[in-house]
PDB file of all heavy atoms in Angstrom:
ATOM      1  N   SER A   1    -110.276   7.382  27.679  1.00  0.00           N
ATOM      2  CA  SER A   1    -109.712   6.983  26.395  1.00  0.00           C
ATOM      3  C   SER A   1    -110.345   5.666  25.969  1.00  0.00           C
ATOM      4  O   SER A   1    -111.039   5.018  26.763  1.00  0.00           O
ATOM      5  CB  SER A   1    -108.194   6.789  26.516  1.00  0.00           C
ATOM      6  OG  SER A   1    -107.907   5.626  27.292  1.00  0.00           O
ATOM      7  N   PRO A   2    -110.119   5.222  24.732  1.00  0.00           N
ATOM      8  CA  PRO A   2    -110.587   3.892  24.344  1.00  0.00           C
ATOM      9  C   PRO A   2    -110.056   2.790  25.253  1.00  0.00           C
ATOM     10  O   PRO A   2    -110.743   1.793  25.499  1.00  0.00           O
ATOM     11  CB  PRO A   2    -110.064   3.755  22.907  1.00  0.00           C
ATOM     12  CG  PRO A   2    -110.028   5.155  22.393  1.00  0.00           C
ATOM     13  CD  PRO A   2    -109.579   5.978  23.578  1.00  0.00           C
ATOM     14  N   THR A   3    -108.828   2.950  25.770  1.00  0.00           N
ATOM     15  CA  THR A   3    -108.269   1.934  26.667  1.00  0.00           C
ATOM     16  C   THR A   3    -108.978   1.924  28.011  1.00  0.00           C
ATOM     17  O   THR A   3    -109.272   0.850  28.560  1.00  0.00           O
ATOM     18  CB  THR A   3    -106.761   2.162  26.863  1.00  0.00           C
ATOM     19  OG1 THR A   3    -106.099   2.025  25.599  1.00  0.00           O
ATOM     20  CG2 THR A   3    -106.180   1.151  27.842  1.00  0.00           C
ATOM     21  N   THR A   4    -109.264   3.096  28.581  1.00  0.00           N
ATOM     22  CA  THR A   4    -109.971   3.109  29.865  1.00  0.00           C
ATOM     23  C   THR A   4    -111.381   2.558  29.709  1.00  0.00           C
ATOM     24  O   THR A   4    -111.901   1.888  30.610  1.00  0.00           O
ATOM     25  CB  THR A   4    -110.031   4.528  30.462  1.00  0.00           C
ATOM     26  OG1 THR A   4    -110.692   5.410  29.553  1.00  0.00           O
ATOM     27  CG2 THR A   4    -108.632   5.051  30.747  1.00  0.00           C
ATOM     28  N   ALA A   5    -112.004   2.816  28.562  1.00  0.00           N
ATOM     29  CA  ALA A   5    -113.338   2.258  28.317  1.00  0.00           C
ATOM     30  C   ALA A   5    -113.278   0.739  28.234  1.00  0.00           C
ATOM     31  O   ALA A   5    -114.131   0.032  28.791  1.00  0.00           O
ATOM     32  CB  ALA A   5    -113.920   2.839  27.029  1.00  0.00           C
ATOM     33  N   LEU A   6    -112.240   0.222  27.563  1.00  0.00           N
ATOM     34  CA  LEU A   6    -112.070  -1.220  27.469  1.00  0.00           C
ATOM     35  C   LEU A   6    -111.762  -1.813  28.840  1.00  0.00           C
ATOM     36  O   LEU A   6    -112.283  -2.875  29.208  1.00  0.00           O
ATOM     37  CB  LEU A   6    -110.948  -1.548  26.489  1.00  0.00           C
ATOM     38  CG  LEU A   6    -110.608  -3.032  26.299  1.00  0.00           C
ATOM     39  CD1 LEU A   6    -111.809  -3.806  25.768  1.00  0.00           C
ATOM     40  CD2 LEU A   6    -109.411  -3.200  25.369  1.00  0.00           C
ATOM     41  N   ASN A   7    -110.933  -1.115  29.631  1.00  0.00           N
ATOM     42  CA  ASN A   7    -110.581  -1.615  30.959  1.00  0.00           C
ATOM     43  C   ASN A   7    -111.790  -1.747  31.869  1.00  0.00           C
ATOM     44  O   ASN A   7    -111.849  -2.656  32.713  1.00  0.00           O
ATOM     45  CB  ASN A   7    -109.537  -0.703  31.606  1.00  0.00           C
ATOM     46  CG  ASN A   7    -108.117  -1.058  31.200  1.00  0.00           C
ATOM     47  OD1 ASN A   7    -107.868  -2.141  30.671  1.00  0.00           O
ATOM     48  ND2 ASN A   7    -107.188  -0.155  31.452  1.00  0.00           N
ATOM     49  N   ARG A   8    -112.751  -0.858  31.731  1.00  0.00           N
ATOM     50  CA  ARG A   8    -113.953  -0.963  32.558  1.00  0.00           C
ATOM     51  C   ARG A   8    -114.676  -2.287  32.312  1.00  0.00           C
ATOM     52  O   ARG A   8    -115.215  -2.903  33.232  1.00  0.00           O
ATOM     53  CB  ARG A   8    -114.895   0.213  32.276  1.00  0.00           C
ATOM     54  CG  ARG A   8    -114.473   1.513  32.932  1.00  0.00           C
ATOM     55  CD  ARG A   8    -115.597   2.526  32.941  1.00  0.00           C
ATOM     56  NE  ARG A   8    -115.966   2.944  31.596  1.00  0.00           N
ATOM     57  CZ  ARG A   8    -115.389   3.942  30.943  1.00  0.00           C
ATOM     58  NH1 ARG A   8    -114.407   4.635  31.505  1.00  0.00           N
ATOM     59  NH2 ARG A   8    -115.786   4.278  29.728  1.00  0.00           N
ATOM     60  N   ILE A   9    -114.660  -2.717  31.065  1.00  0.00           N
ATOM     61  CA  ILE A   9    -115.316  -3.979  30.713  1.00  0.00           C
ATOM     62  C   ILE A   9    -114.475  -5.170  31.157  1.00  0.00           C
ATOM     63  O   ILE A   9    -114.975  -6.122  31.757  1.00  0.00           O
ATOM     64  CB  ILE A   9    -115.569  -4.034  29.193  1.00  0.00           C
ATOM     65  CG1 ILE A   9    -116.541  -2.922  28.788  1.00  0.00           C
ATOM     66  CG2 ILE A   9    -116.115  -5.398  28.780  1.00  0.00           C
ATOM     67  CD1 ILE A   9    -116.699  -2.768  27.295  1.00  0.00           C
ATOM     68  N   LEU A  10    -113.167  -5.113  30.887  1.00  0.00           N
ATOM     69  CA  LEU A  10    -112.288  -6.225  31.242  1.00  0.00           C
ATOM     70  C   LEU A  10    -112.186  -6.404  32.758  1.00  0.00           C
ATOM     71  O   LEU A  10    -112.017  -7.526  33.239  1.00  0.00           O
ATOM     72  CB  LEU A  10    -110.895  -6.004  30.649  1.00  0.00           C
ATOM     73  CG  LEU A  10    -110.806  -5.926  29.123  1.00  0.00           C
ATOM     74  CD1 LEU A  10    -109.352  -5.729  28.694  1.00  0.00           C
ATOM     75  CD2 LEU A  10    -111.392  -7.167  28.469  1.00  0.00           C
ATOM     76  N   SER A  11    -112.297  -5.310  33.509  1.00  0.00           N
ATOM     77  CA  SER A  11    -112.209  -5.411  34.967  1.00  0.00           C
ATOM     78  C   SER A  11    -113.401  -6.156  35.553  1.00  0.00           C
ATOM     79  O   SER A  11    -113.351  -6.593  36.707  1.00  0.00           O
ATOM     80  CB  SER A  11    -112.120  -4.018  35.591  1.00  0.00           C
ATOM     81  OG  SER A  11    -113.330  -3.300  35.402  1.00  0.00           O
ATOM     82  N   LEU A  12    -114.441  -6.315  34.760  1.00  0.00           N
ATOM     83  CA  LEU A  12    -115.620  -7.074  35.187  1.00  0.00           C
ATOM     84  C   LEU A  12    -115.668  -8.447  34.519  1.00  0.00           C
ATOM     85  O   LEU A  12    -116.710  -9.116  34.523  1.00  0.00           O
ATOM     86  CB  LEU A  12    -116.894  -6.292  34.848  1.00  0.00           C
ATOM     87  CG  LEU A  12    -117.027  -4.913  35.515  1.00  0.00           C
ATOM     88  CD1 LEU A  12    -118.246  -4.191  34.975  1.00  0.00           C
ATOM     89  CD2 LEU A  12    -117.103  -5.061  37.025  1.00  0.00           C
ATOM     90  N   ALA A  13    -114.527  -8.851  33.936  1.00  0.00           N
ATOM     91  CA  ALA A  13    -114.443 -10.127  33.213  1.00  0.00           C
ATOM     92  C   ALA A  13    -115.471 -10.179  32.101  1.00  0.00           C
ATOM     93  O   ALA A  13    -116.118 -11.207  31.867  1.00  0.00           O
ATOM     94  CB  ALA A  13    -114.619 -11.304  34.160  1.00  0.00           C
ATOM     95  N   GLY A  14    -115.591  -9.066  31.399  1.00  0.00           N
ATOM     96  CA  GLY A  14    -116.565  -8.991  30.315  1.00  0.00           C
ATOM     97  C   GLY A  14    -115.946  -9.206  28.956  1.00  0.00           C
ATOM     98  O   GLY A  14    -114.788  -9.611  28.830  1.00  0.00           O
ATOM     99  N   ASN A  15    -116.716  -8.938  27.917  1.00  0.00           N
ATOM    100  CA  ASN A  15    -116.214  -9.032  26.553  1.00  0.00           C
ATOM    101  C   ASN A  15    -116.680  -7.806  25.791  1.00  0.00           C
ATOM    102  O   ASN A  15    -117.714  -7.215  26.095  1.00  0.00           O
ATOM    103  CB  ASN A  15    -116.677 -10.319  25.876  1.00  0.00           C
ATOM    104  CG  ASN A  15    -118.155 -10.314  25.577  1.00  0.00           C
ATOM    105  OD1 ASN A  15    -118.582  -9.879  24.517  1.00  0.00           O
ATOM    106  ND2 ASN A  15    -118.972 -10.812  26.516  1.00  0.00           N
ATOM    107  N   ALA A  16    -115.884  -7.406  24.803  1.00  0.00           N
ATOM    108  CA  ALA A  16    -116.187  -6.164  24.098  1.00  0.00           C
ATOM    109  C   ALA A  16    -115.659  -6.207  22.675  1.00  0.00           C
ATOM    110  O   ALA A  16    -114.672  -6.892  22.381  1.00  0.00           O
ATOM    111  CB  ALA A  16    -115.564  -4.984  24.832  1.00  0.00           C
ATOM    112  N   ALA A  17    -116.317  -5.460  21.823  1.00  0.00           N
ATOM    113  CA  ALA A  17    -115.796  -5.215  20.484  1.00  0.00           C
ATOM    114  C   ALA A  17    -114.821  -4.043  20.573  1.00  0.00           C
ATOM    115  O   ALA A  17    -115.068  -3.084  21.302  1.00  0.00           O
ATOM    116  CB  ALA A  17    -116.938  -4.885  19.535  1.00  0.00           C
ATOM    117  N   ILE A  18    -113.718  -4.140  19.870  1.00  0.00           N
ATOM    118  CA  ILE A  18    -112.731  -3.057  19.854  1.00  0.00           C
ATOM    119  C   ILE A  18    -112.919  -2.280  18.558  1.00  0.00           C
ATOM    120  O   ILE A  18    -112.466  -2.708  17.492  1.00  0.00           O
ATOM    121  CB  ILE A  18    -111.300  -3.595  19.977  1.00  0.00           C
ATOM    122  CG1 ILE A  18    -111.152  -4.439  21.248  1.00  0.00           C
ATOM    123  CG2 ILE A  18    -110.300  -2.445  19.988  1.00  0.00           C
ATOM    124  CD1 ILE A  18    -109.777  -5.033  21.445  1.00  0.00           C
ATOM    125  N   ASP A  19    -113.587  -1.152  18.653  1.00  0.00           N
ATOM    126  CA  ASP A  19    -113.878  -0.366  17.458  1.00  0.00           C
ATOM    127  C   ASP A  19    -112.740   0.564  17.079  1.00  0.00           C
ATOM    128  O   ASP A  19    -112.603   0.925  15.912  1.00  0.00           O
ATOM    129  CB  ASP A  19    -115.163   0.461  17.677  1.00  0.00           C
ATOM    130  CG  ASP A  19    -116.386  -0.412  17.912  1.00  0.00           C
ATOM    131  OD1 ASP A  19    -116.483  -1.460  17.237  1.00  0.00           O
ATOM    132  OD2 ASP A  19    -117.220  -0.066  18.763  1.00  0.00           O
ATOM    133  N   ASP A  20    -111.939   0.971  18.051  1.00  0.00           N
ATOM    134  CA  ASP A  20    -110.844   1.893  17.771  1.00  0.00           C
ATOM    135  C   ASP A  20    -109.721   1.163  17.036  1.00  0.00           C
ATOM    136  O   ASP A  20    -109.173   0.172  17.532  1.00  0.00           O
ATOM    137  CB  ASP A  20    -110.314   2.499  19.082  1.00  0.00           C
ATOM    138  CG  ASP A  20    -109.294   3.579  18.829  1.00  0.00           C
ATOM    139  OD1 ASP A  20    -108.112   3.229  18.591  1.00  0.00           O
ATOM    140  OD2 ASP A  20    -109.658   4.762  18.864  1.00  0.00           O
ATOM    141  N   GLU A  21    -109.367   1.659  15.861  1.00  0.00           N
ATOM    142  CA  GLU A  21    -108.392   0.971  15.008  1.00  0.00           C
ATOM    143  C   GLU A  21    -107.023   0.870  15.669  1.00  0.00           C
ATOM    144  O   GLU A  21    -106.385  -0.196  15.639  1.00  0.00           O
ATOM    145  CB  GLU A  21    -108.258   1.725  13.677  1.00  0.00           C
ATOM    146  CG  GLU A  21    -107.419   0.996  12.632  1.00  0.00           C
ATOM    147  CD  GLU A  21    -108.066  -0.294  12.144  1.00  0.00           C
ATOM    148  OE1 GLU A  21    -109.299  -0.328  12.019  1.00  0.00           O
ATOM    149  OE2 GLU A  21    -107.311  -1.268  11.901  1.00  0.00           O
ATOM    150  N   LEU A  22    -106.554   1.970  16.272  1.00  0.00           N
ATOM    151  CA  LEU A  22    -105.234   1.942  16.905  1.00  0.00           C
ATOM    152  C   LEU A  22    -105.206   1.011  18.107  1.00  0.00           C
ATOM    153  O   LEU A  22    -104.235   0.280  18.312  1.00  0.00           O
ATOM    154  CB  LEU A  22    -104.826   3.354  17.333  1.00  0.00           C
ATOM    155  CG  LEU A  22    -104.136   4.230  16.300  1.00  0.00           C
ATOM    156  CD1 LEU A  22    -103.766   5.573  16.916  1.00  0.00           C
ATOM    157  CD2 LEU A  22    -102.897   3.560  15.733  1.00  0.00           C
ATOM    158  N   LEU A  23    -106.263   1.013  18.903  1.00  0.00           N
ATOM    159  CA  LEU A  23    -106.304   0.128  20.058  1.00  0.00           C
ATOM    160  C   LEU A  23    -106.321  -1.328  19.618  1.00  0.00           C
ATOM    161  O   LEU A  23    -105.623  -2.175  20.205  1.00  0.00           O
ATOM    162  CB  LEU A  23    -107.536   0.429  20.919  1.00  0.00           C
ATOM    163  CG  LEU A  23    -107.721  -0.449  22.164  1.00  0.00           C
ATOM    164  CD1 LEU A  23    -106.493  -0.412  23.055  1.00  0.00           C
ATOM    165  CD2 LEU A  23    -108.964  -0.018  22.930  1.00  0.00           C
ATOM    166  N   PHE A  24    -107.067  -1.642  18.592  1.00  0.00           N
ATOM    167  CA  PHE A  24    -107.115  -3.012  18.083  1.00  0.00           C
ATOM    168  C   PHE A  24    -105.733  -3.433  17.582  1.00  0.00           C
ATOM    169  O   PHE A  24    -105.266  -4.549  17.861  1.00  0.00           O
ATOM    170  CB  PHE A  24    -108.142  -3.107  16.959  1.00  0.00           C
ATOM    171  CG  PHE A  24    -108.327  -4.488  16.414  1.00  0.00           C
ATOM    172  CD1 PHE A  24    -108.815  -5.517  17.209  1.00  0.00           C
ATOM    173  CD2 PHE A  24    -108.007  -4.778  15.094  1.00  0.00           C
ATOM    174  CE1 PHE A  24    -108.978  -6.796  16.706  1.00  0.00           C
ATOM    175  CE2 PHE A  24    -108.174  -6.055  14.581  1.00  0.00           C
ATOM    176  CZ  PHE A  24    -108.658  -7.069  15.386  1.00  0.00           C
ATOM    177  N   GLU A  25    -105.053  -2.529  16.879  1.00  0.00           N
ATOM    178  CA  GLU A  25    -103.700  -2.815  16.387  1.00  0.00           C
ATOM    179  C   GLU A  25    -102.749  -3.056  17.557  1.00  0.00           C
ATOM    180  O   GLU A  25    -101.912  -3.967  17.516  1.00  0.00           O
ATOM    181  CB  GLU A  25    -103.209  -1.647  15.536  1.00  0.00           C
ATOM    182  CG  GLU A  25    -101.855  -1.871  14.893  1.00  0.00           C
ATOM    183  CD  GLU A  25    -101.422  -0.691  14.043  1.00  0.00           C
ATOM    184  OE1 GLU A  25    -102.286   0.121  13.651  1.00  0.00           O
ATOM    185  OE2 GLU A  25    -100.201  -0.584  13.777  1.00  0.00           O
ATOM    186  N   ALA A  26    -102.867  -2.247  18.610  1.00  0.00           N
ATOM    187  CA  ALA A  26    -101.998  -2.406  19.777  1.00  0.00           C
ATOM    188  C   ALA A  26    -102.252  -3.732  20.479  1.00  0.00           C
ATOM    189  O   ALA A  26    -101.306  -4.423  20.890  1.00  0.00           O
ATOM    190  CB  ALA A  26    -102.207  -1.239  20.750  1.00  0.00           C
ATOM    191  N   VAL A  27    -103.515  -4.099  20.636  1.00  0.00           N
ATOM    192  CA  VAL A  27    -103.850  -5.362  21.302  1.00  0.00           C
ATOM    193  C   VAL A  27    -103.280  -6.548  20.523  1.00  0.00           C
ATOM    194  O   VAL A  27    -102.701  -7.477  21.115  1.00  0.00           O
ATOM    195  CB  VAL A  27    -105.375  -5.495  21.460  1.00  0.00           C
ATOM    196  CG1 VAL A  27    -105.762  -6.924  21.829  1.00  0.00           C
ATOM    197  CG2 VAL A  27    -105.882  -4.519  22.517  1.00  0.00           C
ATOM    198  N   LEU A  28    -103.401  -6.523  19.214  1.00  0.00           N
ATOM    199  CA  LEU A  28    -102.854  -7.619  18.403  1.00  0.00           C
ATOM    200  C   LEU A  28    -101.324  -7.658  18.512  1.00  0.00           C
ATOM    201  O   LEU A  28    -100.729  -8.741  18.590  1.00  0.00           O
ATOM    202  CB  LEU A  28    -103.271  -7.457  16.946  1.00  0.00           C
ATOM    203  CG  LEU A  28    -104.752  -7.657  16.618  1.00  0.00           C
ATOM    204  CD1 LEU A  28    -104.979  -7.512  15.127  1.00  0.00           C
ATOM    205  CD2 LEU A  28    -105.242  -9.025  17.096  1.00  0.00           C
ATOM    206  N   ALA A  29    -100.690  -6.479  18.520  1.00  0.00           N
ATOM    207  CA  ALA A  29     -99.229  -6.432  18.642  1.00  0.00           C
ATOM    208  C   ALA A  29     -98.784  -6.984  19.992  1.00  0.00           C
ATOM    209  O   ALA A  29     -97.813  -7.749  20.075  1.00  0.00           O
ATOM    210  CB  ALA A  29     -98.736  -4.995  18.468  1.00  0.00           C
ATOM    211  N   VAL A  30     -99.488  -6.609  21.054  1.00  0.00           N
ATOM    212  CA  VAL A  30     -99.144  -7.111  22.385  1.00  0.00           C
ATOM    213  C   VAL A  30     -99.297  -8.623  22.439  1.00  0.00           C
ATOM    214  O   VAL A  30     -98.448  -9.325  23.000  1.00  0.00           O
ATOM    215  CB  VAL A  30    -100.031  -6.455  23.459  1.00  0.00           C
ATOM    216  CG1 VAL A  30     -99.895  -7.189  24.796  1.00  0.00           C
ATOM    217  CG2 VAL A  30     -99.651  -4.995  23.636  1.00  0.00           C
ATOM    218  N   ASP A  31    -100.357  -9.142  21.845  1.00  0.00           N
ATOM    219  CA  ASP A  31    -100.576 -10.585  21.864  1.00  0.00           C
ATOM    220  C   ASP A  31     -99.416 -11.316  21.185  1.00  0.00           C
ATOM    221  O   ASP A  31     -98.919 -12.325  21.699  1.00  0.00           O
ATOM    222  CB  ASP A  31    -101.895 -10.922  21.170  1.00  0.00           C
ATOM    223  CG  ASP A  31    -102.294 -12.376  21.357  1.00  0.00           C
ATOM    224  OD1 ASP A  31    -102.392 -12.823  22.519  1.00  0.00           O
ATOM    225  OD2 ASP A  31    -102.496 -13.078  20.342  1.00  0.00           O
ATOM    226  N   THR A  32     -98.963 -10.790  20.052  1.00  0.00           N
ATOM    227  CA  THR A  32     -97.834 -11.399  19.350  1.00  0.00           C
ATOM    228  C   THR A  32     -96.567 -11.341  20.193  1.00  0.00           C
ATOM    229  O   THR A  32     -95.815 -12.328  20.294  1.00  0.00           O
ATOM    230  CB  THR A  32     -97.596 -10.673  18.011  1.00  0.00           C
ATOM    231  OG1 THR A  32     -98.742 -10.845  17.162  1.00  0.00           O
ATOM    232  CG2 THR A  32     -96.369 -11.225  17.294  1.00  0.00           C
ATOM    233  N   LEU A  33     -96.315 -10.193  20.826  1.00  0.00           N
ATOM    234  CA  LEU A  33     -95.093 -10.018  21.615  1.00  0.00           C
ATOM    235  C   LEU A  33     -95.161 -10.777  22.933  1.00  0.00           C
ATOM    236  O   LEU A  33     -94.129 -11.240  23.438  1.00  0.00           O
ATOM    237  CB  LEU A  33     -94.856  -8.527  21.851  1.00  0.00           C
ATOM    238  CG  LEU A  33     -94.483  -7.761  20.579  1.00  0.00           C
ATOM    239  CD1 LEU A  33     -94.589  -6.264  20.792  1.00  0.00           C
ATOM    240  CD2 LEU A  33     -93.075  -8.137  20.125  1.00  0.00           C
ATOM    241  N   TRP A  34     -96.345 -10.909  23.509  1.00  0.00           N
ATOM    242  CA  TRP A  34     -96.514 -11.723  24.715  1.00  0.00           C
ATOM    243  C   TRP A  34     -96.091 -13.164  24.418  1.00  0.00           C
ATOM    244  O   TRP A  34     -95.381 -13.796  25.205  1.00  0.00           O
ATOM    245  CB  TRP A  34     -97.964 -11.666  25.172  1.00  0.00           C
ATOM    246  CG  TRP A  34     -98.301 -12.573  26.316  1.00  0.00           C
ATOM    247  CD1 TRP A  34     -97.996 -12.385  27.628  1.00  0.00           C
ATOM    248  CD2 TRP A  34     -99.007 -13.819  26.242  1.00  0.00           C
ATOM    249  NE1 TRP A  34     -98.471 -13.434  28.393  1.00  0.00           N
ATOM    250  CE2 TRP A  34     -99.104 -14.331  27.568  1.00  0.00           C
ATOM    251  CE3 TRP A  34     -99.590 -14.545  25.206  1.00  0.00           C
ATOM    252  CZ2 TRP A  34     -99.742 -15.531  27.856  1.00  0.00           C
ATOM    253  CZ3 TRP A  34    -100.228 -15.743  25.493  1.00  0.00           C
ATOM    254  CH2 TRP A  34    -100.291 -16.222  26.803  1.00  0.00           C
ATOM    255  N   ARG A  35     -96.504 -13.666  23.282  1.00  0.00           N
ATOM    256  CA  ARG A  35     -96.135 -15.037  22.898  1.00  0.00           C
ATOM    257  C   ARG A  35     -94.637 -15.130  22.598  1.00  0.00           C
ATOM    258  O   ARG A  35     -93.966 -16.084  23.012  1.00  0.00           O
ATOM    259  CB  ARG A  35     -96.953 -15.479  21.685  1.00  0.00           C
ATOM    260  CG  ARG A  35     -98.452 -15.539  21.967  1.00  0.00           C
ATOM    261  CD  ARG A  35     -99.255 -15.848  20.701  1.00  0.00           C
ATOM    262  NE  ARG A  35    -100.677 -15.673  20.934  1.00  0.00           N
ATOM    263  CZ  ARG A  35    -101.463 -16.573  21.522  1.00  0.00           C
ATOM    264  NH1 ARG A  35    -100.937 -17.731  21.908  1.00  0.00           N
ATOM    265  NH2 ARG A  35    -102.741 -16.330  21.715  1.00  0.00           N
ATOM    266  N   ALA A  36     -94.103 -14.146  21.874  1.00  0.00           N
ATOM    267  CA  ALA A  36     -92.695 -14.185  21.485  1.00  0.00           C
ATOM    268  C   ALA A  36     -91.765 -14.145  22.693  1.00  0.00           C
ATOM    269  O   ALA A  36     -90.696 -14.766  22.685  1.00  0.00           O
ATOM    270  CB  ALA A  36     -92.384 -13.018  20.548  1.00  0.00           C
TER     271      ALA A  36
END
């Protein structure tokens, strides 16, 4: 999935562009809720 593809990069302490619209929306939502 787009998440498993992203995890492969993050597990190597890498950086990536998030092209999938839903995944990008989820990441932003998590960031807001993590802070809240």
